[in-house]
N, C-alpha and C. Protein backbone atom coordinates (compact mmCIF):
# COMPACT_ATOMS: atom_id res chain seq x y z
N MET A 1 88.52 50.39 -6.85
CA MET A 1 89.97 50.35 -6.72
C MET A 1 90.38 51.60 -5.95
N SER A 2 91.07 51.39 -4.85
CA SER A 2 91.44 52.51 -3.99
C SER A 2 92.85 53.01 -4.32
N GLN A 3 93.16 54.15 -3.78
CA GLN A 3 94.49 54.72 -3.99
C GLN A 3 95.56 53.86 -3.32
N ASP A 4 95.24 53.28 -2.18
CA ASP A 4 96.20 52.43 -1.48
C ASP A 4 96.56 51.21 -2.31
N PHE A 5 95.57 50.66 -2.99
CA PHE A 5 95.82 49.49 -3.84
C PHE A 5 96.71 49.84 -5.03
N ILE A 6 96.47 50.98 -5.63
CA ILE A 6 97.30 51.42 -6.75
C ILE A 6 98.73 51.68 -6.30
N ILE A 7 98.88 52.30 -5.14
CA ILE A 7 100.21 52.55 -4.59
C ILE A 7 100.92 51.22 -4.30
N TYR A 8 100.17 50.26 -3.77
CA TYR A 8 100.74 48.94 -3.48
C TYR A 8 101.24 48.28 -4.77
N LEU A 9 100.42 48.29 -5.82
CA LEU A 9 100.83 47.68 -7.09
C LEU A 9 102.03 48.40 -7.69
N SER A 10 102.05 49.72 -7.61
CA SER A 10 103.18 50.48 -8.14
C SER A 10 104.45 50.18 -7.36
N ARG A 11 104.33 50.10 -6.04
CA ARG A 11 105.50 49.81 -5.21
C ARG A 11 106.06 48.42 -5.52
N GLU A 12 105.17 47.45 -5.67
CA GLU A 12 105.61 46.09 -6.00
C GLU A 12 106.28 46.03 -7.38
N ALA A 13 105.76 46.78 -8.34
CA ALA A 13 106.35 46.80 -9.68
C ALA A 13 107.74 47.42 -9.65
N VAL A 14 107.89 48.52 -8.95
CA VAL A 14 109.21 49.18 -8.86
C VAL A 14 110.20 48.28 -8.12
N TYR A 15 109.74 47.64 -7.04
CA TYR A 15 110.60 46.74 -6.28
C TYR A 15 111.06 45.57 -7.15
N THR A 16 110.16 45.03 -7.95
CA THR A 16 110.51 43.92 -8.84
C THR A 16 111.52 44.37 -9.89
N ILE A 17 111.33 45.55 -10.44
CA ILE A 17 112.26 46.07 -11.44
C ILE A 17 113.65 46.26 -10.83
N LEU A 18 113.70 46.80 -9.61
CA LEU A 18 114.99 46.98 -8.95
C LEU A 18 115.67 45.66 -8.67
N LEU A 19 114.92 44.66 -8.23
CA LEU A 19 115.51 43.35 -7.98
C LEU A 19 116.02 42.71 -9.27
N LEU A 20 115.32 42.92 -10.36
CA LEU A 20 115.75 42.34 -11.63
C LEU A 20 117.01 43.02 -12.18
N ALA A 21 117.10 44.32 -11.98
CA ALA A 21 118.21 45.07 -12.56
C ALA A 21 119.47 45.04 -11.70
N ALA A 22 119.33 44.80 -10.42
CA ALA A 22 120.47 44.91 -9.49
C ALA A 22 121.65 44.00 -9.83
N PRO A 23 121.46 42.70 -10.09
CA PRO A 23 122.64 41.87 -10.37
C PRO A 23 123.40 42.30 -11.62
N LEU A 24 122.67 42.63 -12.67
CA LEU A 24 123.33 43.02 -13.91
C LEU A 24 124.03 44.37 -13.79
N LEU A 25 123.35 45.32 -13.18
CA LEU A 25 123.96 46.64 -13.02
C LEU A 25 125.14 46.61 -12.06
N GLY A 26 125.01 45.82 -11.00
CA GLY A 26 126.09 45.73 -10.01
C GLY A 26 127.36 45.13 -10.60
N THR A 27 127.21 44.03 -11.33
CA THR A 27 128.40 43.41 -11.92
C THR A 27 128.98 44.27 -13.03
N SER A 28 128.12 44.93 -13.78
CA SER A 28 128.62 45.83 -14.82
C SER A 28 129.38 47.00 -14.22
N LEU A 29 128.88 47.52 -13.11
CA LEU A 29 129.57 48.60 -12.41
C LEU A 29 130.91 48.14 -11.88
N LEU A 30 130.95 46.95 -11.29
CA LEU A 30 132.20 46.42 -10.75
C LEU A 30 133.24 46.18 -11.84
N VAL A 31 132.82 45.59 -12.95
CA VAL A 31 133.74 45.34 -14.06
C VAL A 31 134.23 46.66 -14.66
N GLY A 32 133.34 47.63 -14.80
CA GLY A 32 133.76 48.94 -15.31
C GLY A 32 134.77 49.61 -14.41
N LEU A 33 134.57 49.49 -13.10
CA LEU A 33 135.52 50.07 -12.14
C LEU A 33 136.87 49.37 -12.24
N LEU A 34 136.87 48.05 -12.31
CA LEU A 34 138.14 47.31 -12.42
C LEU A 34 138.88 47.65 -13.72
N ILE A 35 138.16 47.77 -14.80
CA ILE A 35 138.79 48.12 -16.08
C ILE A 35 139.30 49.55 -16.04
N SER A 36 138.58 50.45 -15.40
CA SER A 36 139.05 51.84 -15.28
C SER A 36 140.32 51.91 -14.45
N ILE A 37 140.39 51.14 -13.38
CA ILE A 37 141.62 51.10 -12.57
C ILE A 37 142.76 50.53 -13.40
N PHE A 38 142.49 49.47 -14.17
CA PHE A 38 143.51 48.90 -15.04
C PHE A 38 143.99 49.91 -16.08
N GLN A 39 143.06 50.65 -16.67
CA GLN A 39 143.43 51.65 -17.67
C GLN A 39 144.23 52.79 -17.04
N ALA A 40 143.89 53.16 -15.83
CA ALA A 40 144.62 54.25 -15.18
C ALA A 40 146.04 53.83 -14.81
N THR A 41 146.19 52.59 -14.40
CA THR A 41 147.54 52.14 -14.01
C THR A 41 148.42 51.88 -15.21
N THR A 42 147.86 51.41 -16.31
CA THR A 42 148.67 51.12 -17.49
C THR A 42 148.69 52.28 -18.49
N GLN A 43 147.90 53.29 -18.25
CA GLN A 43 147.78 54.46 -19.12
C GLN A 43 147.31 54.10 -20.53
N ILE A 44 146.52 53.05 -20.62
CA ILE A 44 145.86 52.69 -21.88
C ILE A 44 144.52 53.40 -21.88
N GLN A 45 144.31 54.31 -22.81
CA GLN A 45 143.09 55.10 -22.83
C GLN A 45 142.20 54.73 -24.02
N GLU A 46 142.03 53.46 -24.25
CA GLU A 46 141.16 52.99 -25.31
C GLU A 46 139.73 52.89 -24.80
N GLN A 47 138.80 53.59 -25.42
CA GLN A 47 137.42 53.65 -24.94
C GLN A 47 136.66 52.34 -25.19
N THR A 48 137.03 51.62 -26.24
CA THR A 48 136.31 50.39 -26.56
C THR A 48 136.74 49.21 -25.71
N LEU A 49 137.77 49.37 -24.89
CA LEU A 49 138.26 48.28 -24.06
C LEU A 49 137.24 47.85 -23.02
N THR A 50 136.37 48.73 -22.60
CA THR A 50 135.41 48.40 -21.54
C THR A 50 134.20 47.62 -22.05
N PHE A 51 133.88 47.72 -23.32
CA PHE A 51 132.63 47.13 -23.81
C PHE A 51 132.63 45.61 -23.84
N VAL A 52 133.69 45.00 -24.34
CA VAL A 52 133.71 43.54 -24.49
C VAL A 52 133.66 42.84 -23.14
N PRO A 53 134.49 43.22 -22.16
CA PRO A 53 134.36 42.53 -20.86
C PRO A 53 133.00 42.74 -20.19
N LYS A 54 132.43 43.93 -20.32
CA LYS A 54 131.11 44.17 -19.73
C LYS A 54 130.05 43.29 -20.38
N ILE A 55 130.09 43.16 -21.70
CA ILE A 55 129.12 42.32 -22.39
C ILE A 55 129.26 40.87 -21.98
N VAL A 56 130.50 40.40 -21.87
CA VAL A 56 130.73 39.01 -21.47
C VAL A 56 130.24 38.77 -20.05
N VAL A 57 130.53 39.71 -19.14
CA VAL A 57 130.11 39.55 -17.75
C VAL A 57 128.59 39.61 -17.64
N ILE A 58 127.94 40.47 -18.38
CA ILE A 58 126.49 40.55 -18.33
C ILE A 58 125.85 39.27 -18.89
N LEU A 59 126.42 38.71 -19.94
CA LEU A 59 125.90 37.45 -20.46
C LEU A 59 126.07 36.31 -19.45
N VAL A 60 127.22 36.27 -18.77
CA VAL A 60 127.44 35.26 -17.74
C VAL A 60 126.46 35.45 -16.58
N CYS A 61 126.24 36.70 -16.20
CA CYS A 61 125.26 36.98 -15.13
C CYS A 61 123.86 36.59 -15.54
N LEU A 62 123.51 36.79 -16.79
CA LEU A 62 122.19 36.37 -17.26
C LEU A 62 122.04 34.85 -17.20
N VAL A 63 123.12 34.13 -17.49
CA VAL A 63 123.06 32.68 -17.40
C VAL A 63 122.93 32.24 -15.94
N ILE A 64 123.66 32.92 -15.05
CA ILE A 64 123.62 32.55 -13.63
C ILE A 64 122.32 32.98 -12.98
N PHE A 65 121.93 34.24 -13.17
CA PHE A 65 120.76 34.80 -12.49
C PHE A 65 119.47 34.68 -13.29
N GLY A 66 119.54 34.17 -14.51
CA GLY A 66 118.37 34.08 -15.37
C GLY A 66 117.20 33.31 -14.78
N PRO A 67 117.43 32.10 -14.24
CA PRO A 67 116.29 31.37 -13.65
C PRO A 67 115.66 32.11 -12.47
N TRP A 68 116.48 32.72 -11.62
CA TRP A 68 115.94 33.48 -10.50
C TRP A 68 115.13 34.68 -10.99
N MET A 69 115.65 35.37 -12.01
CA MET A 69 114.94 36.53 -12.56
C MET A 69 113.61 36.10 -13.18
N LEU A 70 113.62 34.99 -13.88
CA LEU A 70 112.40 34.50 -14.49
C LEU A 70 111.37 34.10 -13.44
N ASN A 71 111.82 33.43 -12.37
CA ASN A 71 110.90 33.08 -11.29
C ASN A 71 110.31 34.31 -10.63
N LEU A 72 111.11 35.35 -10.46
CA LEU A 72 110.63 36.59 -9.87
C LEU A 72 109.57 37.24 -10.76
N LEU A 73 109.83 37.27 -12.05
CA LEU A 73 108.84 37.85 -12.98
C LEU A 73 107.56 37.02 -13.03
N VAL A 74 107.70 35.71 -13.01
CA VAL A 74 106.51 34.85 -13.05
C VAL A 74 105.68 35.04 -11.79
N SER A 75 106.32 35.11 -10.63
CA SER A 75 105.56 35.29 -9.40
C SER A 75 104.88 36.67 -9.36
N PHE A 76 105.57 37.70 -9.85
CA PHE A 76 104.94 39.03 -9.90
C PHE A 76 103.74 39.02 -10.83
N THR A 77 103.89 38.41 -12.00
CA THR A 77 102.81 38.36 -12.97
C THR A 77 101.64 37.53 -12.45
N THR A 78 101.94 36.43 -11.79
CA THR A 78 100.89 35.60 -11.21
C THR A 78 100.11 36.37 -10.16
N ASN A 79 100.82 37.09 -9.30
CA ASN A 79 100.15 37.90 -8.29
C ASN A 79 99.32 39.01 -8.93
N LEU A 80 99.83 39.59 -10.00
CA LEU A 80 99.10 40.64 -10.69
C LEU A 80 97.82 40.09 -11.32
N PHE A 81 97.90 38.92 -11.93
CA PHE A 81 96.71 38.30 -12.51
C PHE A 81 95.72 37.88 -11.43
N ALA A 82 96.22 37.54 -10.26
CA ALA A 82 95.34 37.13 -9.17
C ALA A 82 94.51 38.30 -8.64
N VAL A 83 95.02 39.50 -8.74
CA VAL A 83 94.29 40.66 -8.22
C VAL A 83 93.44 41.34 -9.27
N ILE A 84 93.42 40.83 -10.49
CA ILE A 84 92.58 41.44 -11.53
C ILE A 84 91.10 41.44 -11.14
N PRO A 85 90.57 40.35 -10.58
CA PRO A 85 89.15 40.43 -10.16
C PRO A 85 88.91 41.52 -9.11
N GLU A 86 89.88 41.76 -8.27
CA GLU A 86 89.73 42.82 -7.27
C GLU A 86 89.74 44.20 -7.92
N ILE A 87 90.50 44.34 -8.99
CA ILE A 87 90.55 45.61 -9.70
C ILE A 87 89.22 45.88 -10.39
N MET A 88 88.59 44.85 -10.89
CA MET A 88 87.36 45.02 -11.65
C MET A 88 86.14 45.32 -10.79
N LYS A 89 86.25 45.19 -9.48
CA LYS A 89 85.11 45.45 -8.59
C LYS A 89 84.76 46.91 -8.54
């Protein structure tokens, strides 16, 4: 097992993690920004106001992006299992 191969596997793992986290983090960031703007304009400074909409939006995103995320994880895992014989050499 060479250093290039280990770097390749690490890069693919990090790339997969970023692709999986991006939709959820992006929508959570957008909802948090919109709620912060709403709080600033109405001068409502309730800290718990941001949690419920973020949770709802993340659950909706999981329903929408869930199959794509699962396919991405399955393909990464399949590729990882395919290279196990190469690792054992």
